[in-house]
């Protein structure tokens, strides 16, 4: 049986206490999240475990829970480092 795709989008604004969950979904919703990110030139990082945790523990607009901070920080650092090369 093929597993359903899962995706979450996170973002961070300076001054916020933690990153926020911007979007989360499974199946067609996950595919749409990834497509929107790619169309916008946003780096897509595959981390199924984090996507599942976020999908199960937060709603879009919520700050991500503390137990996800370390994984989210690593992804955001990777994305920001990659973006800084473009300038």
N, C-alpha and C. Protein backbone atom coordinates (compact mmCIF):
# COMPACT_ATOMS: atom_id res chain seq x y z
N UNK A 1 0.82 -1.18 0.00
CA UNK A 1 0.00 0.00 0.00
C UNK A 1 0.88 1.26 0.00
N UNK A 2 0.57 2.18 -0.87
CA UNK A 2 1.35 3.40 -0.99
C UNK A 2 0.96 4.38 0.12
N UNK A 3 1.99 4.96 0.78
CA UNK A 3 1.73 5.92 1.83
C UNK A 3 1.28 7.24 1.24
N UNK A 4 0.36 7.92 1.95
CA UNK A 4 -0.08 9.24 1.54
C UNK A 4 1.02 10.25 1.79
N UNK A 5 1.19 11.15 0.86
CA UNK A 5 2.16 12.23 1.02
C UNK A 5 1.69 13.16 2.14
N UNK A 6 2.65 13.71 2.88
CA UNK A 6 2.34 14.68 3.94
C UNK A 6 3.31 15.84 3.80
N UNK A 7 2.81 17.04 4.04
CA UNK A 7 3.66 18.23 3.94
C UNK A 7 3.21 19.27 4.96
N UNK A 8 4.19 20.01 5.44
CA UNK A 8 3.93 21.13 6.33
C UNK A 8 4.80 22.29 5.88
N UNK A 9 4.29 23.49 6.05
CA UNK A 9 5.07 24.70 5.75
C UNK A 9 5.23 25.48 7.04
N UNK A 10 6.48 25.87 7.33
CA UNK A 10 6.74 26.65 8.53
C UNK A 10 7.39 27.97 8.13
N UNK A 11 7.25 28.95 8.99
CA UNK A 11 7.87 30.24 8.77
C UNK A 11 8.22 30.87 10.10
N UNK A 12 9.13 31.82 10.05
CA UNK A 12 9.56 32.50 11.27
C UNK A 12 9.74 33.98 11.00
N UNK A 13 9.15 34.80 11.86
CA UNK A 13 9.35 36.25 11.80
C UNK A 13 10.20 36.65 12.99
N UNK A 14 11.21 37.48 12.74
CA UNK A 14 12.06 37.94 13.83
C UNK A 14 11.19 38.59 14.90
N UNK A 15 11.43 38.22 16.13
CA UNK A 15 10.66 38.74 17.25
C UNK A 15 9.60 37.78 17.73
N UNK A 16 9.18 36.83 16.89
CA UNK A 16 8.22 35.82 17.33
C UNK A 16 8.91 34.86 18.30
N UNK A 17 8.15 34.31 19.24
CA UNK A 17 8.76 33.39 20.19
C UNK A 17 9.14 32.02 19.60
N UNK A 18 8.56 31.70 18.45
CA UNK A 18 8.83 30.40 17.80
C UNK A 18 8.35 30.48 16.36
N UNK A 19 8.79 29.53 15.52
CA UNK A 19 8.24 29.46 14.16
C UNK A 19 6.75 29.12 14.20
N UNK A 20 6.06 29.49 13.14
CA UNK A 20 4.63 29.18 13.02
C UNK A 20 4.42 28.13 11.95
N UNK A 21 3.38 27.35 12.15
CA UNK A 21 2.92 26.41 11.13
C UNK A 21 2.07 27.22 10.16
N UNK A 22 2.50 27.29 8.91
CA UNK A 22 1.78 28.08 7.91
C UNK A 22 0.74 27.24 7.19
N UNK A 23 1.05 25.97 6.96
CA UNK A 23 0.13 25.07 6.26
C UNK A 23 0.52 23.64 6.58
N UNK A 24 -0.46 22.75 6.51
CA UNK A 24 -0.19 21.34 6.73
C UNK A 24 -1.28 20.54 6.04
N UNK A 25 -0.90 19.44 5.43
CA UNK A 25 -1.90 18.62 4.77
C UNK A 25 -1.36 17.28 4.33
N UNK A 26 -2.27 16.43 3.92
CA UNK A 26 -1.93 15.08 3.44
C UNK A 26 -2.52 14.88 2.05
N UNK A 27 -1.96 13.95 1.31
CA UNK A 27 -2.48 13.62 -0.01
C UNK A 27 -2.42 14.80 -0.97
N UNK A 28 -3.55 15.11 -1.58
CA UNK A 28 -3.61 16.21 -2.56
C UNK A 28 -3.25 17.55 -1.93
N UNK A 29 -3.65 17.76 -0.66
CA UNK A 29 -3.30 19.00 0.03
C UNK A 29 -1.78 19.13 0.17
N UNK A 30 -1.12 18.02 0.50
CA UNK A 30 0.35 18.03 0.62
C UNK A 30 1.00 18.33 -0.72
N UNK A 31 0.49 17.72 -1.76
CA UNK A 31 1.04 17.98 -3.10
C UNK A 31 0.89 19.46 -3.46
N UNK A 32 -0.23 20.07 -3.09
CA UNK A 32 -0.47 21.48 -3.38
C UNK A 32 0.48 22.37 -2.58
N UNK A 33 0.72 22.03 -1.32
CA UNK A 33 1.66 22.80 -0.48
C UNK A 33 3.04 22.80 -1.12
N UNK A 34 3.49 21.62 -1.54
CA UNK A 34 4.82 21.50 -2.17
C UNK A 34 4.85 22.28 -3.49
N UNK A 35 3.80 22.16 -4.29
CA UNK A 35 3.76 22.86 -5.58
C UNK A 35 3.80 24.38 -5.39
N UNK A 36 3.05 24.88 -4.42
CA UNK A 36 3.05 26.33 -4.16
C UNK A 36 4.44 26.79 -3.73
N UNK A 37 5.07 26.02 -2.87
CA UNK A 37 6.43 26.37 -2.42
C UNK A 37 7.39 26.40 -3.59
N UNK A 38 7.35 25.39 -4.43
CA UNK A 38 8.26 25.32 -5.58
C UNK A 38 8.00 26.47 -6.55
N UNK A 39 6.73 26.78 -6.80
CA UNK A 39 6.39 27.88 -7.70
C UNK A 39 6.90 29.21 -7.15
N UNK A 40 6.92 29.35 -5.83
CA UNK A 40 7.36 30.59 -5.19
C UNK A 40 8.88 30.63 -5.00
N UNK A 41 9.56 29.55 -5.38
CA UNK A 41 11.01 29.50 -5.22
C UNK A 41 11.46 29.22 -3.79
N UNK A 42 10.55 28.68 -2.99
CA UNK A 42 10.86 28.35 -1.60
C UNK A 42 11.51 26.97 -1.56
N UNK A 43 12.58 26.87 -0.80
CA UNK A 43 13.29 25.60 -0.64
C UNK A 43 12.37 24.57 0.00
N UNK A 44 12.33 23.37 -0.55
CA UNK A 44 11.54 22.27 0.01
C UNK A 44 12.52 21.28 0.63
N UNK A 45 12.34 21.02 1.92
CA UNK A 45 13.19 20.09 2.66
C UNK A 45 12.31 18.93 3.10
N UNK A 46 12.74 17.72 2.80
CA UNK A 46 11.95 16.54 3.14
C UNK A 46 12.30 16.06 4.55
N UNK A 47 11.32 16.12 5.45
CA UNK A 47 11.46 15.61 6.81
C UNK A 47 10.09 15.08 7.24
N UNK A 48 9.83 13.82 6.89
CA UNK A 48 8.53 13.22 7.13
C UNK A 48 8.18 13.21 8.61
N UNK A 49 9.13 12.89 9.46
CA UNK A 49 8.85 12.82 10.90
C UNK A 49 8.37 14.17 11.42
N UNK A 50 9.03 15.25 11.03
CA UNK A 50 8.62 16.58 11.47
C UNK A 50 7.25 16.94 10.90
N UNK A 51 7.01 16.62 9.65
CA UNK A 51 5.71 16.92 9.03
C UNK A 51 4.59 16.21 9.77
N UNK A 52 4.80 14.95 10.15
CA UNK A 52 3.79 14.20 10.89
C UNK A 52 3.56 14.83 12.26
N UNK A 53 4.64 15.15 12.97
CA UNK A 53 4.51 15.78 14.28
C UNK A 53 3.73 17.09 14.19
N UNK A 54 4.07 17.91 13.21
CA UNK A 54 3.39 19.20 13.06
C UNK A 54 1.92 19.00 12.70
N UNK A 55 1.64 18.07 11.82
CA UNK A 55 0.27 17.81 11.39
C UNK A 55 -0.60 17.34 12.56
N UNK A 56 0.00 16.59 13.46
CA UNK A 56 -0.75 16.02 14.57
C UNK A 56 -0.82 16.93 15.79
N UNK A 57 0.07 17.94 15.88
CA UNK A 57 0.14 18.70 17.13
C UNK A 57 -0.13 20.20 16.99
N UNK A 58 -0.36 20.69 15.79
CA UNK A 58 -0.60 22.12 15.62
C UNK A 58 -1.54 22.35 14.44
N UNK A 59 -2.15 23.52 14.44
CA UNK A 59 -3.00 23.94 13.34
C UNK A 59 -2.33 25.12 12.64
N UNK A 60 -2.57 25.32 11.35
CA UNK A 60 -2.00 26.49 10.68
C UNK A 60 -2.31 27.77 11.46
N UNK A 61 -1.27 28.58 11.63
CA UNK A 61 -1.38 29.81 12.40
C UNK A 61 -0.85 29.68 13.81
N UNK A 62 -0.73 28.42 14.30
CA UNK A 62 -0.19 28.17 15.64
C UNK A 62 1.33 28.25 15.61
N UNK A 63 1.91 28.64 16.75
CA UNK A 63 3.35 28.48 16.91
C UNK A 63 3.61 26.98 17.02
N UNK A 64 4.72 26.52 16.46
CA UNK A 64 4.99 25.09 16.53
C UNK A 64 5.36 24.72 17.97
N UNK A 65 5.04 23.51 18.39
CA UNK A 65 5.30 23.11 19.78
C UNK A 65 6.80 23.00 20.07
N UNK A 66 7.17 23.22 21.33
CA UNK A 66 8.60 23.21 21.70
C UNK A 66 9.35 21.94 21.30
N UNK A 67 8.67 20.79 21.29
CA UNK A 67 9.38 19.55 20.95
C UNK A 67 9.75 19.49 19.46
N UNK A 68 9.28 20.43 18.68
CA UNK A 68 9.63 20.49 17.25
C UNK A 68 10.66 21.57 16.94
N UNK A 69 11.02 22.38 17.94
CA UNK A 69 11.88 23.53 17.69
C UNK A 69 13.24 23.16 17.11
N UNK A 70 13.88 22.13 17.65
CA UNK A 70 15.22 21.78 17.18
C UNK A 70 15.21 21.38 15.71
N UNK A 71 14.27 20.51 15.33
CA UNK A 71 14.18 20.08 13.93
C UNK A 71 13.82 21.25 13.03
N UNK A 72 12.89 22.09 13.47
CA UNK A 72 12.49 23.25 12.68
C UNK A 72 13.64 24.23 12.53
N UNK A 73 14.41 24.43 13.59
CA UNK A 73 15.55 25.35 13.54
C UNK A 73 16.59 24.87 12.52
N UNK A 74 16.84 23.57 12.48
CA UNK A 74 17.81 23.04 11.52
C UNK A 74 17.33 23.27 10.08
N UNK A 75 16.05 23.07 9.85
CA UNK A 75 15.50 23.28 8.51
C UNK A 75 15.54 24.75 8.14
N UNK A 76 15.11 25.62 9.04
CA UNK A 76 15.13 27.06 8.75
C UNK A 76 16.56 27.55 8.52
N UNK A 77 17.51 27.07 9.31
CA UNK A 77 18.91 27.46 9.12
C UNK A 77 19.41 27.02 7.76
N UNK A 78 19.06 25.81 7.35
CA UNK A 78 19.46 25.31 6.03
C UNK A 78 18.87 26.17 4.92
N UNK A 79 17.58 26.47 5.04
CA UNK A 79 16.89 27.26 4.01
C UNK A 79 17.46 28.67 3.95
N UNK A 80 17.66 29.30 5.10
CA UNK A 80 18.19 30.67 5.12
C UNK A 80 19.61 30.71 4.59
N UNK A 81 20.41 29.72 4.92
CA UNK A 81 21.79 29.66 4.41
C UNK A 81 21.78 29.52 2.89
N UNK A 82 20.89 28.68 2.38
CA UNK A 82 20.77 28.47 0.94
C UNK A 82 20.30 29.74 0.24
N UNK A 83 19.36 30.48 0.85
CA UNK A 83 18.85 31.71 0.27
C UNK A 83 19.90 32.80 0.23
N UNK A 84 20.79 32.83 1.23
CA UNK A 84 21.79 33.88 1.28
C UNK A 84 22.79 33.76 0.16
N UNK A 85 22.90 32.59 -0.45
CA UNK A 85 23.81 32.40 -1.59
C UNK A 85 23.29 33.08 -2.85
N UNK A 86 21.97 33.33 -2.89
CA UNK A 86 21.37 33.92 -4.07
C UNK A 86 21.62 35.42 -4.16
N UNK A 87 22.08 36.04 -3.07
CA UNK A 87 22.24 37.50 -3.05
C UNK A 87 23.67 37.92 -3.17
